[in-house]
Amino acid sequence: MGGREEVDGFVTTKRGIDGRIYFGRSRKKLRSMVLEVKGGENVNISVVRQLRGVLEREEADMAGLILMRNLKPQQKAAFSREMAMAGEMKGKHCPRLQLLCVPDILAGRRFTLPEAPAARGSKQGQLTLPTEGSPCP
């Protein structure tokens, strides 16, 4: 069963979504990246497939997966192949499905977005968050 989530006046469903990053040039043209966080050691490729389904169902522009631990090399290769199947954003060289691990985030890496994230109560030009991302090592 889904729920409703309201963030800064935008209502979304919570089915399979742990959060969202909103980005865009204006409030009327905001786009979103749905986020899912997984913490267990037994994370497998089905997590990526489910997130891809959430991406399509929610009609989001992008989806991001955050893992507590780094992936093993074989897992990383399988995850990368599956994520690449989601393609890139239209007109942008930005993967629609991305992955970060907590160690990456603590090192300052971020998801790659086509535009700066929308910050509540600030102008786009004032944002200083890094937006370059990289896959888990």
Protein backbone atom coordinates (compact mmCIF):
# COMPACT_ATOMS: atom_id res chain seq x y z
CA MET A 1 0.00 0.00 0.00
CA GLY A 2 1.32 3.40 -0.85
CA GLY A 3 1.26 6.51 1.21
CA ARG A 4 1.43 10.18 0.41
CA GLU A 5 4.49 12.27 0.90
CA GLU A 6 4.47 16.04 0.63
CA VAL A 7 7.72 17.94 0.25
CA ASP A 8 7.57 21.69 -0.24
CA GLY A 9 4.08 21.45 -1.69
CA PHE A 10 4.82 18.53 -4.05
CA VAL A 11 2.82 15.38 -3.35
CA THR A 12 4.31 11.99 -4.22
CA THR A 13 3.56 8.38 -3.39
CA LYS A 14 5.92 6.53 -1.07
CA ARG A 15 5.80 3.13 -2.78
CA GLY A 16 9.42 1.93 -2.84
CA ILE A 17 10.85 5.42 -2.41
CA ASP A 18 13.02 6.57 0.49
CA GLY A 19 13.45 10.12 -0.76
CA ARG A 20 13.72 12.46 -3.72
CA ILE A 21 16.13 15.03 -5.04
CA TYR A 22 14.41 17.81 -6.92
CA PHE A 23 16.33 19.70 -9.57
CA GLY A 24 15.50 22.20 -12.27
CA ARG A 25 15.60 25.82 -13.22
CA SER A 26 12.22 26.84 -11.84
CA ARG A 27 9.62 25.53 -9.42
CA LYS A 28 7.16 24.99 -12.27
CA LYS A 29 9.63 22.83 -14.20
CA LEU A 30 11.10 20.81 -11.34
CA ARG A 31 12.32 17.33 -12.18
CA SER A 32 13.04 14.58 -9.69
CA MET A 33 15.38 11.74 -8.83
CA VAL A 34 13.79 9.05 -6.66
CA LEU A 35 16.09 7.58 -4.02
CA GLU A 36 16.22 4.17 -2.42
CA VAL A 37 18.55 3.24 0.46
CA LYS A 38 19.62 -0.35 1.18
CA GLY A 39 21.72 -1.38 4.14
CA GLY A 40 22.05 -5.15 4.14
CA GLU A 41 25.00 -7.26 3.06
CA ASN A 42 22.79 -9.38 0.82
CA VAL A 43 21.92 -6.69 -1.70
CA ASN A 44 21.47 -8.28 -5.11
CA ILE A 45 20.63 -7.30 -8.66
CA SER A 46 16.88 -7.53 -7.99
CA VAL A 47 17.19 -4.25 -6.03
CA VAL A 48 18.33 -2.48 -9.22
CA ARG A 49 15.52 -4.07 -11.25
CA GLN A 50 12.93 -3.00 -8.67
CA LEU A 51 14.30 0.55 -8.62
CA ARG A 52 14.09 0.66 -12.40
CA GLY A 53 10.44 -0.31 -12.09
CA VAL A 54 9.89 2.49 -9.55
CA LEU A 55 11.59 4.92 -11.96
CA GLU A 56 9.09 4.01 -14.70
CA ARG A 57 6.03 3.79 -12.43
CA GLU A 58 6.66 7.15 -10.76
CA GLU A 59 7.53 8.77 -14.10
CA ALA A 60 10.63 10.23 -12.46
CA ASP A 61 13.50 11.54 -14.54
CA MET A 62 16.15 9.64 -12.62
CA ALA A 63 16.66 7.16 -9.78
CA GLY A 64 19.48 6.81 -7.27
CA LEU A 65 20.42 3.81 -5.18
CA ILE A 66 22.39 4.35 -1.97
CA LEU A 67 24.11 1.32 -0.44
CA MET A 68 25.63 1.12 3.02
CA ARG A 69 28.58 -0.97 1.83
CA ASN A 70 30.77 -1.12 -1.27
CA LEU A 71 29.97 -3.79 -3.82
CA LYS A 72 32.23 -6.70 -4.68
CA PRO A 73 33.79 -6.40 -8.18
CA GLN A 74 31.46 -9.02 -9.71
CA GLN A 75 28.40 -7.32 -8.17
CA LYS A 76 29.59 -3.92 -9.37
CA ALA A 77 29.83 -5.18 -12.95
CA ALA A 78 26.34 -6.71 -12.85
CA PHE A 79 24.83 -3.59 -11.25
CA SER A 80 26.52 -1.35 -13.83
CA ARG A 81 25.17 -3.41 -16.75
CA GLU A 82 21.64 -3.39 -15.36
CA MET A 83 21.72 0.33 -14.57
CA ALA A 84 23.00 1.19 -18.06
CA MET A 85 19.86 -0.42 -19.52
CA ALA A 86 17.82 2.47 -18.08
CA GLY A 87 19.65 4.79 -20.51
CA GLU A 88 20.41 8.48 -20.19
CA MET A 89 18.17 11.52 -19.77
CA LYS A 90 16.92 12.90 -23.07
CA GLY A 91 19.28 15.53 -24.40
CA LYS A 92 21.66 15.12 -21.45
CA HIS A 93 24.69 12.89 -20.90
CA CYS A 94 23.44 11.88 -17.50
CA PRO A 95 22.58 8.27 -16.52
CA ARG A 96 18.96 7.83 -15.45
CA LEU A 97 19.88 5.19 -12.86
CA GLN A 98 22.85 5.81 -10.55
CA LEU A 99 24.54 4.24 -7.55
CA LEU A 100 26.46 5.63 -4.59
CA CYS A 101 27.76 3.88 -1.50
CA VAL A 102 27.93 5.56 1.90
CA PRO A 103 31.77 5.61 1.80
CA ASP A 104 31.49 7.55 -1.50
CA ILE A 105 29.10 10.05 0.02
CA LEU A 106 31.36 10.54 3.05
CA ALA A 107 34.22 11.19 0.60
CA GLY A 108 32.17 14.02 -0.96
CA ARG A 109 30.82 12.31 -4.09
CA ARG A 110 27.29 13.07 -5.23
CA PHE A 111 24.85 11.85 -7.85
CA THR A 112 25.43 13.34 -11.29
CA LEU A 113 22.51 15.64 -12.08
CA PRO A 114 21.86 17.59 -15.29
CA GLU A 115 21.17 20.73 -13.24
CA ALA A 116 21.85 21.87 -9.70
CA PRO A 117 19.56 20.44 -7.01
CA ALA A 118 16.69 22.67 -6.01
CA ALA A 119 17.23 24.08 -2.54
CA ARG A 120 14.33 25.20 -0.41
CA GLY A 121 14.24 28.97 -0.15
CA SER A 122 17.38 29.70 -2.20
CA LYS A 123 18.15 30.71 -5.75
CA GLN A 124 19.79 28.23 -8.12
CA GLY A 125 22.92 30.35 -8.48
CA GLN A 126 23.57 30.20 -4.74
CA LEU A 127 23.98 26.43 -4.53
CA THR A 128 27.45 25.13 -3.77
CA LEU A 129 26.76 21.40 -3.48
CA PRO A 130 29.03 19.18 -5.58
CA THR A 131 27.02 17.36 -8.24
CA GLU A 132 29.66 15.16 -9.84
CA GLY A 133 29.19 11.51 -8.95
CA SER A 134 31.03 8.28 -9.50
CA PRO A 135 30.14 4.63 -9.07
CA CYS A 136 31.22 2.62 -6.04
CA PRO A 137 34.89 1.59 -6.08
